């Protein structure tokens, strides 16, 4: 197992793209923060005029879009519980390969289930993924990313 300051890489089997949810409104607040008013919210930011709550799914979508733009990442993966088959997730469902948890200290832990490109250094890809996701998610949300875990579910030859 390879570890880094922000997470662990567990092997089981365009750089720095902007998150599509990050469009500034009124010069200060990302627009996705306005639309995060759903039941399962945990990420919380305080402002002078009220609280901003960020749903875990919003963070997962942003993290997924950032991840697939990293060198060596083919895409997110899901594993079928019934037969153990790993499936590549389509771009519009990237959050299915990502689990986001926010603890009582408002710190984020992100689990990625990924498929990497054949022939690349898994540790280099994972280090790149961790640094890009950590930086961009913290910039977008204003929350601290405590830990990023990467589960390599498979490799795929890309053309």
Protein backbone atom coordinates (compact mmCIF):
# COMPACT_ATOMS: atom_id res chain seq x y z
CA UNK A 1 0.00 0.00 0.00
CA UNK A 2 1.26 3.43 -0.95
CA UNK A 3 0.30 6.34 1.27
CA UNK A 4 0.44 10.08 0.98
CA UNK A 5 -0.24 12.92 3.44
CA UNK A 6 -3.92 13.06 2.49
CA UNK A 7 -4.90 9.49 1.81
CA UNK A 8 -4.11 5.92 0.90
CA UNK A 9 -4.01 4.06 -2.35
CA UNK A 10 -5.47 0.59 -2.13
CA UNK A 11 -4.90 -1.58 -5.19
CA UNK A 12 -7.56 -4.21 -5.80
CA UNK A 13 -7.36 -5.44 -8.98
CA UNK A 14 -6.63 17.13 -19.58
CA UNK A 15 -5.18 18.12 -16.26
CA UNK A 16 -7.00 20.26 -13.68
CA UNK A 17 -10.29 20.64 -15.52
CA UNK A 18 -12.71 23.14 -14.06
CA UNK A 19 -15.65 21.63 -12.25
CA UNK A 20 -18.79 22.29 -14.34
CA UNK A 21 -20.64 23.38 -11.21
CA UNK A 22 -18.18 26.16 -10.49
CA UNK A 23 -19.69 29.24 -12.10
CA UNK A 24 -19.39 32.36 -10.05
CA UNK A 25 -22.49 34.37 -9.36
CA UNK A 26 -22.40 37.87 -7.95
CA UNK A 27 -18.60 37.58 -8.05
CA UNK A 28 -18.31 35.40 -4.95
CA UNK A 29 -20.46 32.31 -4.47
CA UNK A 30 -20.32 29.26 -6.78
CA UNK A 31 -23.80 28.67 -8.24
CA UNK A 32 -23.91 25.00 -7.17
CA UNK A 33 -24.06 26.18 -3.57
CA UNK A 34 -27.43 27.82 -4.27
CA UNK A 35 -28.91 24.52 -5.49
CA UNK A 36 -27.69 22.21 -2.73
CA UNK A 37 -30.87 22.38 -0.66
CA UNK A 38 -31.77 18.71 -0.49
CA UNK A 39 -32.25 16.31 2.41
CA UNK A 40 -28.81 14.72 2.94
CA UNK A 41 -26.61 17.76 3.47
CA UNK A 42 -23.64 17.88 5.78
CA UNK A 43 -21.05 20.29 4.39
CA UNK A 44 -21.63 23.62 6.06
CA UNK A 45 -20.13 27.06 5.53
CA UNK A 46 -21.08 30.06 7.59
CA UNK A 47 -21.42 33.52 6.13
CA UNK A 48 -22.43 36.87 7.52
CA UNK A 49 -25.98 36.51 6.26
CA UNK A 50 -26.60 32.79 6.75
CA UNK A 51 -25.38 29.23 6.31
CA UNK A 52 -24.43 27.47 3.09
CA UNK A 53 -25.04 23.71 3.03
CA UNK A 54 -23.34 21.53 0.41
CA UNK A 55 -24.72 18.10 -0.44
CA UNK A 56 -22.29 15.17 -0.59
CA UNK A 57 -23.51 14.39 -4.13
CA UNK A 58 -22.43 17.84 -5.33
CA UNK A 59 -18.94 17.28 -3.95
CA UNK A 60 -18.86 13.80 -5.52
CA UNK A 61 -19.81 15.18 -8.97
CA UNK A 62 -17.15 17.87 -8.78
CA UNK A 63 -14.52 15.39 -7.59
CA UNK A 64 -15.48 12.95 -10.35
CA UNK A 65 -15.14 15.56 -13.07
CA UNK A 66 -11.77 16.59 -11.71
CA UNK A 67 -10.61 12.97 -11.44
CA UNK A 68 -11.42 11.88 -15.00
CA UNK A 69 -9.33 14.76 -16.33
CA UNK A 70 -6.24 13.51 -14.47
CA UNK A 71 -3.55 11.70 -16.47
CA UNK A 72 -3.90 7.92 -16.36
CA UNK A 73 -7.49 7.78 -15.11
CA UNK A 74 -9.78 5.99 -17.58
CA UNK A 75 -12.86 6.57 -15.43
CA UNK A 76 -14.81 5.73 -12.31
CA UNK A 77 -15.84 2.16 -11.58
CA UNK A 78 -18.70 0.36 -9.88
CA UNK A 79 -18.49 -3.20 -8.65
CA UNK A 80 -21.51 -5.48 -8.82
CA UNK A 81 -22.07 -7.06 -5.41
CA UNK A 82 -23.80 -10.09 -6.91
CA UNK A 83 -21.11 -11.18 -9.36
CA UNK A 84 -18.10 -8.95 -8.59
CA UNK A 85 -17.92 -7.55 -12.12
CA UNK A 86 -16.31 -4.12 -12.43
CA UNK A 87 -18.09 -1.69 -14.75
CA UNK A 88 -16.82 1.59 -16.15
CA UNK A 89 -19.23 4.39 -15.21
CA UNK A 90 -20.46 6.75 -17.93
CA UNK A 91 -19.38 10.38 -17.61
CA UNK A 92 -22.86 11.58 -16.59
CA UNK A 93 -22.88 9.13 -13.62
CA UNK A 94 -19.38 9.71 -12.24
CA UNK A 95 -20.62 10.11 -8.67
CA UNK A 96 -21.52 6.39 -8.60
CA UNK A 97 -17.82 5.53 -8.33
CA UNK A 98 -17.22 8.02 -5.52
CA UNK A 99 -18.20 8.08 -1.86
CA UNK A 100 -18.04 11.38 0.05
CA UNK A 101 -18.28 11.66 3.82
CA UNK A 102 -18.14 14.82 5.89
CA UNK A 103 -17.31 14.44 9.58
CA UNK A 104 -18.41 16.47 12.58
CA UNK A 105 -15.42 18.82 12.07
CA UNK A 106 -16.67 19.65 8.55
CA UNK A 107 -13.73 17.78 6.96
CA UNK A 108 -14.21 15.74 3.78
CA UNK A 109 -13.14 12.14 3.12
CA UNK A 110 -13.43 10.99 -0.48
CA UNK A 111 -13.25 7.38 -1.70
CA UNK A 112 -12.57 6.89 -5.42
CA UNK A 113 -13.15 3.59 -7.25
CA UNK A 114 -11.18 4.01 -10.47
CA UNK A 115 -9.99 2.24 -13.58
CA UNK A 116 -6.49 3.28 -14.64
CA UNK A 117 -4.81 3.20 -18.02
CA UNK A 118 -2.61 0.18 -18.72
CA UNK A 119 1.12 0.87 -18.60
CA UNK A 120 1.12 3.92 -16.35
CA UNK A 121 2.56 4.13 -12.86
CA UNK A 122 -0.37 3.62 -10.50
CA UNK A 123 1.36 5.49 -7.68
CA UNK A 124 2.11 8.49 -9.95
CA UNK A 125 -1.50 8.55 -11.20
CA UNK A 126 -2.80 8.30 -7.63
CA UNK A 127 -0.52 11.06 -6.35
CA UNK A 128 -1.63 13.32 -9.22
CA UNK A 129 -5.30 12.49 -8.54
CA UNK A 130 -4.95 13.19 -4.81
CA UNK A 131 -3.21 16.54 -5.26
CA UNK A 132 -5.58 17.77 -8.02
CA UNK A 133 -8.77 16.71 -6.24
CA UNK A 134 -7.66 18.00 -2.84
CA UNK A 135 -6.71 21.42 -4.19
CA UNK A 136 -9.75 21.92 -6.44
CA UNK A 137 -12.39 20.57 -4.03
CA UNK A 138 -11.03 22.79 -1.25
CA UNK A 139 -11.06 25.80 -3.60
CA UNK A 140 -14.59 25.09 -4.84
CA UNK A 141 -16.25 24.25 -1.52
CA UNK A 142 -14.21 26.13 1.06
CA UNK A 143 -14.07 22.92 3.14
CA UNK A 144 -10.97 20.94 4.13
CA UNK A 145 -10.28 17.61 2.43
CA UNK A 146 -8.97 15.40 5.22
CA UNK A 147 -8.42 12.16 3.35
CA UNK A 148 -8.63 10.70 -0.15
CA UNK A 149 -8.70 6.92 -0.62
CA UNK A 150 -8.20 5.42 -4.06
CA UNK A 151 -9.38 1.91 -4.89
CA UNK A 152 -7.98 0.73 -8.22
CA UNK A 153 -10.66 -1.63 -9.51
CA UNK A 154 -9.06 -2.41 -12.85
CA UNK A 155 -6.83 -1.41 -15.74
CA UNK A 156 -7.80 -0.81 -19.33
CA UNK A 157 -5.84 -0.38 -22.52
CA UNK A 158 -6.70 2.95 -24.12
CA UNK A 159 -6.19 3.84 -27.79
